[in-house]
């Protein structure tokens, strides 16, 4: 019997000749990521466990993104504790306001094909876009890894997702993952891996794949994996021959196979207030909006901003609608400036903010109140996520978001 992508990564890491779903394996961790919200709890637990030194300072990445800029006095404490821990442990990878953790980890090469990476945020699954087994954990598990460099995992089952064909105009990878979540439901992939393949996937950029691996957790997935190709190698700066082992065998065993024909897909939305409440954009067309948000670790990359800029070029944001655009990292922000996208956004009447999590996690930059409705490109639309519990949140692609910002109502982009 052959092996899935996740099984091959665990086998290589542990030196095992064979692994089966359900087995418990102790893996050597290649990298960890701690974000600003969790750093005080990680440090406290680390010391409570009796550790004094992290196992490898070079393998620890600390990123300030959720609380940047601070929106509450208590936020400053997180930075003070983080700064002190960096100095105490001699950490070499530390980012203050350089961007969202899930963008920076693959962008800066911290998460590479074949690696095993854990982070203190559920959307750590994002790094699977480059063939990295990455998953979110709590602060107790993180403190344990900091002290030992190891973590136990139960080998997950894998759901194979095959998408073939050419996507219609106006349909992006965000629409694919939303459709998949709607079909699986919010718990349909719990502690399973989503493994993506097919001609549509092969044609996708790494950024588009990142959108899909980012949202895999919304179906409960432990990880989401794409086999590395030439685009991956260029992005991650690795040699193809070094990752040639990382592919799924033809006779690998899957717990489920889901197949889609790209031509059958349409622009969709996650409607209030669950990510698996999926409906076509057409069915919700005309719904009045108060705000539109384009950004987050799901859709704040350069290609997302390019899509929005193309739609907004020479147009104006609808009266009484706020359009907020947040690049996912400082480098993306600079590239967007050089490409003229930021100028296009400003001329259209958008509000462009510094890179960070911002509105997505309900911390700053556009919080809404009772009775307001927002269409956003991020990954969650739970009650209270972006303001009060009486805010309605719709999730969609950057194309749908930009087109809707111009009309002031939910609108499908038809190219």
Protein backbone atom coordinates (compact mmCIF):
# COMPACT_ATOMS: atom_id res chain seq x y z
CA UNK A 1 0.00 0.00 0.00
CA UNK A 2 1.28 3.45 -0.93
CA UNK A 3 1.31 6.57 1.21
CA UNK A 4 -0.36 9.97 1.33
CA UNK A 5 1.53 13.25 1.60
CA UNK A 6 1.09 13.50 5.37
CA UNK A 7 2.26 9.94 5.89
CA UNK A 8 5.41 10.56 3.85
CA UNK A 9 6.27 13.69 5.82
CA UNK A 10 5.87 11.88 9.14
CA UNK A 11 7.82 8.86 7.87
CA UNK A 12 10.75 11.00 6.74
CA UNK A 13 10.76 13.01 9.97
CA UNK A 14 10.68 9.97 12.25
CA UNK A 15 12.73 7.59 10.13
CA UNK A 16 9.80 5.15 10.01
CA UNK A 17 9.52 2.72 7.12
CA UNK A 18 5.74 2.76 7.37
CA UNK A 19 3.00 4.64 9.24
CA UNK A 20 -0.73 4.08 9.39
CA UNK A 21 -3.59 6.41 10.32
CA UNK A 22 -4.27 6.29 14.04
CA UNK A 23 -0.70 5.54 15.09
CA UNK A 24 0.97 7.84 17.59
CA UNK A 25 4.34 9.21 16.49
CA UNK A 26 6.75 11.59 18.18
CA UNK A 27 8.11 14.07 15.62
CA UNK A 28 11.08 16.41 15.70
CA UNK A 29 9.72 19.91 15.13
CA UNK A 30 11.36 21.95 12.36
CA UNK A 31 9.97 25.32 13.41
CA UNK A 32 7.43 26.89 15.75
CA UNK A 33 5.53 30.17 15.53
CA UNK A 34 4.19 32.09 18.51
CA UNK A 35 2.02 35.14 17.95
CA UNK A 36 1.52 38.11 20.24
CA UNK A 37 -1.82 37.06 21.74
CA UNK A 38 -0.40 33.82 23.16
CA UNK A 39 3.13 34.83 24.19
CA UNK A 40 2.32 35.59 27.88
CA UNK A 41 0.62 32.22 28.33
CA UNK A 42 3.39 30.32 26.54
CA UNK A 43 6.08 31.96 28.67
CA UNK A 44 4.21 31.29 31.91
CA UNK A 45 3.66 27.62 31.04
CA UNK A 46 7.27 27.24 29.82
CA UNK A 47 8.56 28.37 33.20
CA UNK A 48 5.93 26.39 35.11
CA UNK A 49 7.20 23.23 33.37
CA UNK A 50 10.67 23.96 34.71
CA UNK A 51 12.32 24.86 31.43
CA UNK A 52 14.94 27.60 31.35
CA UNK A 53 16.19 27.48 27.75
CA UNK A 54 14.39 26.84 24.47
CA UNK A 55 15.66 23.78 22.62
CA UNK A 56 16.84 25.78 19.58
CA UNK A 57 16.49 29.60 19.43
CA UNK A 58 16.89 29.56 15.63
CA UNK A 59 13.76 27.43 15.23
CA UNK A 60 11.46 29.77 17.18
CA UNK A 61 9.63 32.60 15.41
CA UNK A 62 7.81 35.29 17.41
CA UNK A 63 5.43 37.54 15.47
CA UNK A 64 3.41 40.58 16.57
CA UNK A 65 0.39 40.84 14.26
CA UNK A 66 -2.95 40.49 16.06
CA UNK A 67 -2.38 43.34 18.52
CA UNK A 68 -0.64 45.71 16.07
CA UNK A 69 -1.29 48.54 16.60
CA UNK A 70 -2.48 48.13 20.17
CA UNK A 71 -6.17 48.81 20.72
CA UNK A 72 -6.29 48.18 24.48
CA UNK A 73 -3.91 49.07 27.31
CA UNK A 74 -3.51 45.38 28.20
CA UNK A 75 -2.05 44.70 24.75
CA UNK A 76 1.19 46.43 25.76
CA UNK A 77 1.84 43.74 28.37
CA UNK A 78 2.00 41.11 25.62
CA UNK A 79 4.72 43.08 23.84
CA UNK A 80 6.70 43.62 27.04
CA UNK A 81 6.67 39.91 27.86
CA UNK A 82 7.53 39.00 24.27
CA UNK A 83 10.43 41.45 24.11
CA UNK A 84 11.82 40.14 27.41
CA UNK A 85 11.57 36.52 26.23
CA UNK A 86 13.41 37.34 22.99
CA UNK A 87 16.30 38.89 24.91
CA UNK A 88 16.38 36.15 27.55
CA UNK A 89 16.39 33.30 25.03
CA UNK A 90 18.44 34.97 22.29
CA UNK A 91 15.74 34.44 19.67
CA UNK A 92 16.90 35.38 16.17
CA UNK A 93 13.55 35.48 14.35
CA UNK A 94 11.34 38.23 15.75
CA UNK A 95 8.90 40.39 13.79
CA UNK A 96 7.22 43.54 15.02
CA UNK A 97 4.47 44.61 12.60
CA UNK A 98 6.07 43.03 9.51
CA UNK A 99 2.80 41.35 8.63
CA UNK A 100 0.45 38.52 9.50
CA UNK A 101 2.13 35.44 10.95
CA UNK A 102 0.62 33.04 8.39
CA UNK A 103 1.87 35.18 5.53
CA UNK A 104 5.34 35.66 6.96
CA UNK A 105 6.03 32.01 7.79
CA UNK A 106 6.02 30.74 4.17
CA UNK A 107 6.96 34.10 2.63
CA UNK A 108 10.17 34.33 4.64
CA UNK A 109 11.07 30.68 4.29
CA UNK A 110 10.42 29.66 7.87
CA UNK A 111 8.02 26.93 6.67
CA UNK A 112 9.36 24.87 3.78
CA UNK A 113 8.25 21.75 1.85
CA UNK A 114 8.45 18.61 3.97
CA UNK A 115 8.82 20.50 7.25
CA UNK A 116 6.74 19.94 10.37
CA UNK A 117 5.71 23.29 11.89
CA UNK A 118 3.39 24.15 14.77
CA UNK A 119 1.95 27.54 15.67
CA UNK A 120 -0.25 29.07 18.34
CA UNK A 121 -3.05 29.88 15.92
CA UNK A 122 -5.59 27.63 14.24
CA UNK A 123 -4.82 28.95 10.75
CA UNK A 124 -1.29 27.55 10.93
CA UNK A 125 -2.64 25.04 8.38
CA UNK A 126 -1.78 27.77 5.82
CA UNK A 127 1.79 26.52 5.31
CA UNK A 128 0.50 23.37 3.68
CA UNK A 129 0.43 25.47 0.50
CA UNK A 130 4.12 24.60 0.08
CA UNK A 131 3.83 20.99 1.23
CA UNK A 132 4.58 21.67 4.91
CA UNK A 133 2.74 19.73 7.64
CA UNK A 134 1.63 22.66 9.77
CA UNK A 135 -1.02 22.79 12.44
CA UNK A 136 -2.26 24.98 15.27
CA UNK A 137 -1.72 24.04 18.92
CA UNK A 138 -2.38 25.52 22.36
CA UNK A 139 0.06 27.27 24.67
CA UNK A 140 0.71 24.17 26.82
CA UNK A 141 1.80 22.13 23.79
CA UNK A 142 3.89 25.05 22.56
CA UNK A 143 5.67 25.40 25.90
CA UNK A 144 6.47 21.69 25.80
CA UNK A 145 7.95 21.96 22.30
CA UNK A 146 10.03 24.98 23.31
CA UNK A 147 11.62 22.87 26.02
CA UNK A 148 12.00 19.59 24.14
CA UNK A 149 11.84 20.21 20.39
CA UNK A 150 9.38 17.34 20.05
CA UNK A 151 5.64 16.80 19.73
CA UNK A 152 3.44 13.73 19.52
CA UNK A 153 0.93 13.44 16.71
CA UNK A 154 -1.69 10.89 15.77
CA UNK A 155 -1.23 10.05 12.10
CA UNK A 156 -4.31 11.56 10.43
CA UNK A 157 -6.53 10.05 7.79
CA UNK A 158 -6.60 11.95 4.50
CA UNK A 159 -9.42 13.27 2.34
CA UNK A 160 -8.31 13.61 -1.27
CA UNK A 161 -9.74 16.64 -3.07
CA UNK A 162 -9.39 16.64 -6.86
CA UNK A 163 -10.22 19.71 -8.95
CA UNK A 164 -9.85 19.49 -12.72
CA UNK A 165 -10.55 21.94 -15.54
CA UNK A 166 -10.43 25.69 -16.09
CA UNK A 167 -12.07 28.05 -13.63
CA UNK A 168 -14.75 30.37 -15.06
CA UNK A 169 -14.20 34.13 -14.95
CA UNK A 170 -14.85 35.54 -11.51
CA UNK A 171 -14.23 32.21 -9.74
CA UNK A 172 -11.12 32.17 -7.55
CA UNK A 173 -9.54 29.68 -5.18
CA UNK A 174 -11.56 31.26 -2.35
CA UNK A 175 -14.73 30.08 -4.08
CA UNK A 176 -13.34 26.54 -4.32
CA UNK A 177 -12.47 26.26 -0.64
CA UNK A 178 -15.78 27.82 0.43
CA UNK A 179 -17.67 25.33 -1.77
CA UNK A 180 -15.65 22.49 -0.25
CA UNK A 181 -16.35 23.66 3.31
CA UNK A 182 -20.03 23.87 2.46
CA UNK A 183 -19.99 20.27 1.21
CA UNK A 184 -17.90 18.88 4.08
CA UNK A 185 -19.55 21.06 6.75
CA UNK A 186 -17.64 22.61 9.64
CA UNK A 187 -16.74 19.26 11.23
CA UNK A 188 -16.41 17.15 8.09
CA UNK A 189 -12.61 16.98 8.13
CA UNK A 190 -11.99 16.95 11.88
CA UNK A 191 -8.42 15.70 12.56
CA UNK A 192 -8.08 14.74 8.92
CA UNK A 193 -5.80 16.10 6.20
CA UNK A 194 -7.13 17.70 3.03
CA UNK A 195 -4.82 16.74 0.15
CA UNK A 196 -5.36 18.79 -3.01
CA UNK A 197 -4.58 17.72 -6.57
CA UNK A 198 -5.84 17.99 -10.16
CA UNK A 199 -5.17 20.15 -13.21
CA UNK A 200 -6.89 23.20 -11.67
CA UNK A 201 -4.63 22.96 -8.62
CA UNK A 202 -1.56 22.53 -10.83
CA UNK A 203 -2.33 25.83 -12.57
CA UNK A 204 -2.75 27.74 -9.32
CA UNK A 205 -0.18 30.11 -7.89
CA UNK A 206 1.24 29.42 -4.44
CA UNK A 207 -0.79 32.39 -3.19
CA UNK A 208 -4.05 30.84 -4.42
CA UNK A 209 -3.15 27.54 -2.77
CA UNK A 210 -2.40 29.47 0.41
CA UNK A 211 -5.98 30.72 0.50
CA UNK A 212 -7.24 27.14 0.43
CA UNK A 213 -4.86 25.68 3.00
CA UNK A 214 -5.60 28.66 5.25
CA UNK A 215 -9.32 27.86 5.38
CA UNK A 216 -8.97 24.07 5.71
CA UNK A 217 -9.32 24.47 9.47
CA UNK A 218 -12.88 25.75 8.91
CA UNK A 219 -13.82 22.16 8.04
CA UNK A 220 -11.90 20.94 11.10
CA UNK A 221 -8.81 19.77 9.18
CA UNK A 222 -5.58 19.01 11.03
CA UNK A 223 -3.62 20.07 7.95
CA UNK A 224 -4.01 20.82 4.23
CA UNK A 225 -1.34 19.75 1.76
CA UNK A 226 -0.29 20.51 -1.80
CA UNK A 227 2.54 18.49 -3.35
CA UNK A 228 5.48 20.77 -4.22
CA UNK A 229 6.01 21.70 -7.87
CA UNK A 230 8.30 24.13 -9.71
CA UNK A 231 6.27 27.11 -8.47
CA UNK A 232 6.63 25.88 -4.90
CA UNK A 233 10.37 25.44 -5.25
CA UNK A 234 10.78 28.95 -6.64
CA UNK A 235 8.65 30.44 -3.88
CA UNK A 236 10.33 28.48 -1.07
CA UNK A 237 13.81 28.70 -2.61
CA UNK A 238 14.44 24.96 -2.55
CA UNK A 239 15.75 22.59 -5.22
CA UNK A 240 13.23 20.32 -6.92
CA UNK A 241 15.45 17.28 -6.38
CA UNK A 242 15.36 17.93 -2.63
CA UNK A 243 11.57 17.57 -2.53
CA UNK A 244 11.06 14.91 -5.22
CA UNK A 245 10.12 12.46 -2.45
CA UNK A 246 7.11 14.54 -1.45
CA UNK A 247 4.24 13.24 -3.57
CA UNK A 248 1.24 10.99 -2.92
CA UNK A 249 1.52 7.44 -4.22
CA UNK A 250 -1.07 6.32 -6.74
CA UNK A 251 -2.12 3.47 -4.45
CA UNK A 252 -2.31 5.61 -1.30
CA UNK A 253 -5.33 4.93 0.91
CA UNK A 254 -7.84 7.75 1.47
CA UNK A 255 -10.83 7.83 3.80
CA UNK A 256 -12.71 9.87 1.20
CA UNK A 257 -12.24 11.27 -2.30
CA UNK A 258 -14.05 14.43 -3.45
CA UNK A 259 -13.93 15.46 -7.10
CA UNK A 260 -14.91 18.77 -8.69
CA UNK A 261 -15.04 20.04 -12.25
CA UNK A 262 -13.82 23.63 -12.29
CA UNK A 263 -16.25 24.70 -15.02
CA UNK A 264 -19.18 23.82 -12.73
CA UNK A 265 -18.07 26.17 -9.95
CA UNK A 266 -19.58 29.62 -9.36
CA UNK A 267 -18.75 32.55 -7.05
CA UNK A 268 -20.06 31.79 -3.57
CA UNK A 269 -20.42 33.36 -0.14
CA UNK A 270 -20.27 32.10 3.41
CA UNK A 271 -23.41 33.69 4.84
CA UNK A 272 -24.05 34.70 8.47
CA UNK A 273 -23.04 33.30 10.80
CA UNK A 274 -21.27 30.04 9.96
CA UNK A 275 -18.43 29.40 7.51
CA UNK A 276 -20.24 26.36 6.11
CA UNK A 277 -23.42 28.33 5.33
CA UNK A 278 -22.53 28.54 1.63
CA UNK A 279 -24.74 30.15 -1.00
CA UNK A 280 -24.09 31.46 -4.50
CA UNK A 281 -23.31 35.15 -4.86
CA UNK A 282 -26.11 35.35 -7.40
CA UNK A 283 -28.67 34.16 -4.83
CA UNK A 284 -27.66 36.95 -2.42
CA UNK A 285 -27.20 39.68 -5.04
CA UNK A 286 -28.58 43.07 -4.05
CA UNK A 287 -28.07 42.63 -0.30
CA UNK A 288 -27.11 46.05 1.08
CA UNK A 289 -23.66 46.45 2.62
CA UNK A 290 -22.20 48.92 5.11
CA UNK A 291 -18.59 47.84 4.81
CA UNK A 292 -16.24 45.74 2.68
CA UNK A 293 -12.92 44.33 3.90
CA UNK A 294 -10.15 43.01 1.62
CA UNK A 295 -7.20 41.52 3.48
CA UNK A 296 -6.20 38.95 6.14
CA UNK A 297 -3.99 35.87 5.92
CA UNK A 298 -6.65 34.40 3.61
CA UNK A 299 -6.74 37.03 0.88
CA UNK A 300 -4.33 39.88 1.55
CA UNK A 301 -1.64 38.86 -0.94
CA UNK A 302 -0.44 40.75 -3.99
CA UNK A 303 -2.57 38.76 -6.45
CA UNK A 304 -5.64 39.51 -4.29
CA UNK A 305 -4.85 43.22 -4.32
CA UNK A 306 -4.27 43.02 -8.09
CA UNK A 307 -7.75 41.58 -8.59
CA UNK A 308 -9.28 44.33 -6.46
CA UNK A 309 -7.28 47.08 -8.18
CA UNK A 310 -8.39 45.91 -11.63
CA UNK A 311 -12.04 46.14 -10.58
CA UNK A 312 -11.66 49.46 -8.74
CA UNK A 313 -9.59 51.21 -11.42
CA UNK A 314 -11.39 54.42 -12.41
CA UNK A 315 -14.35 53.71 -10.12
CA UNK A 316 -15.53 54.96 -6.74
CA UNK A 317 -16.58 53.13 -3.60
CA UNK A 318 -20.35 53.38 -3.21
CA UNK A 319 -21.68 56.24 -1.02
CA UNK A 320 -21.96 55.36 2.68
CA UNK A 321 -19.88 52.18 2.21
CA UNK A 322 -16.47 51.85 3.89
CA UNK A 323 -13.89 49.84 1.95
CA UNK A 324 -10.93 48.76 4.10
CA UNK A 325 -7.89 47.15 2.47
CA UNK A 326 -5.11 45.55 4.52
CA UNK A 327 -2.04 43.99 2.85
CA UNK A 328 -0.92 40.75 4.50
CA UNK A 329 2.72 41.80 4.91
CA UNK A 330 5.02 44.78 4.68
CA UNK A 331 6.69 43.37 1.55
CA UNK A 332 3.30 42.93 -0.14
CA UNK A 333 2.44 46.51 0.81
CA UNK A 334 5.64 47.75 -0.86
CA UNK A 335 4.96 45.69 -3.99
CA UNK A 336 1.40 47.00 -4.14
CA UNK A 337 2.69 50.56 -3.95
CA UNK A 338 5.19 49.89 -6.75
CA UNK A 339 2.47 48.32 -8.91
CA UNK A 340 0.16 51.31 -8.43
CA UNK A 341 -2.52 49.33 -6.61
CA UNK A 342 -2.44 51.47 -3.46
CA UNK A 343 -2.89 54.64 -5.49
CA UNK A 344 -5.87 53.04 -7.24
CA UNK A 345 -7.42 52.13 -3.88
CA UNK A 346 -6.94 55.60 -2.44
CA UNK A 347 -8.39 57.28 -5.54
CA UNK A 348 -11.40 54.97 -5.32
CA UNK A 349 -12.01 56.08 -1.75
CA UNK A 350 -10.72 53.05 0.12
CA UNK A 351 -9.05 53.08 3.52
CA UNK A 352 -5.66 51.35 3.35
CA UNK A 353 -4.22 50.17 6.68
CA UNK A 354 -0.86 48.86 7.87
CA UNK A 355 -0.22 45.09 7.48
CA UNK A 356 -1.70 43.02 10.29
CA UNK A 357 -4.72 41.04 11.40
CA UNK A 358 -6.82 44.10 12.18
CA UNK A 359 -10.51 43.74 11.45
CA UNK A 360 -10.36 39.98 10.84
CA UNK A 361 -9.78 39.24 14.52
CA UNK A 362 -11.94 42.13 15.68
CA UNK A 363 -9.10 44.10 17.25
CA UNK A 364 -8.92 47.31 15.22
CA UNK A 365 -9.35 49.05 11.88
CA UNK A 366 -13.07 48.91 11.18
CA UNK A 367 -15.04 47.35 14.03
CA UNK A 368 -18.79 47.29 13.31
CA UNK A 369 -21.88 47.64 15.49
CA UNK A 370 -25.47 46.35 15.77
CA UNK A 371 -27.34 46.10 12.50
CA UNK A 372 -24.34 46.62 10.23
CA UNK A 373 -23.40 44.24 7.45
CA UNK A 374 -19.91 43.53 6.12
CA UNK A 375 -18.60 41.50 3.19
CA UNK A 376 -15.04 40.35 3.87
CA UNK A 377 -12.30 38.20 2.37
CA UNK A 378 -11.10 36.70 5.64
CA UNK A 379 -11.78 33.23 7.02
CA UNK A 380 -14.41 33.42 9.75
CA UNK A 381 -17.84 34.99 10.09
CA UNK A 382 -18.78 33.89 13.60
CA UNK A 383 -21.02 36.07 15.76
CA UNK A 384 -19.00 38.86 17.36
CA UNK A 385 -15.95 38.24 15.16
CA UNK A 386 -15.76 41.77 13.73
CA UNK A 387 -17.76 43.77 16.23
CA UNK A 388 -20.94 43.11 18.15
CA UNK A 389 -22.88 39.85 17.94
CA UNK A 390 -25.50 41.64 15.83
CA UNK A 391 -23.13 42.33 12.93
CA UNK A 392 -23.78 40.24 9.82
CA UNK A 393 -20.60 38.93 8.17
CA UNK A 394 -20.41 37.51 4.64
CA UNK A 395 -17.19 35.90 3.38
CA UNK A 396 -16.22 36.03 -0.29
CA UNK A 397 -13.37 36.31 -2.78
CA UNK A 398 -11.50 39.58 -3.49
CA UNK A 399 -13.30 39.80 -6.84
CA UNK A 400 -16.73 39.63 -5.23
CA UNK A 401 -15.62 42.02 -2.48
CA UNK A 402 -14.27 44.69 -4.84
CA UNK A 403 -17.27 44.50 -7.17
CA UNK A 404 -19.61 44.81 -4.18
CA UNK A 405 -17.72 47.81 -2.79
CA UNK A 406 -18.45 49.71 -5.99
CA UNK A 407 -22.17 48.93 -6.06
CA UNK A 408 -22.78 48.99 -2.31
CA UNK A 409 -24.64 45.67 -2.48
CA UNK A 410 -23.54 42.07 -2.89
CA UNK A 411 -22.52 41.78 -6.53
CA UNK A 412 -20.94 39.04 -8.63
CA UNK A 413 -17.89 40.06 -10.64
CA UNK A 414 -18.42 38.96 -14.22
CA UNK A 415 -15.04 40.00 -15.65
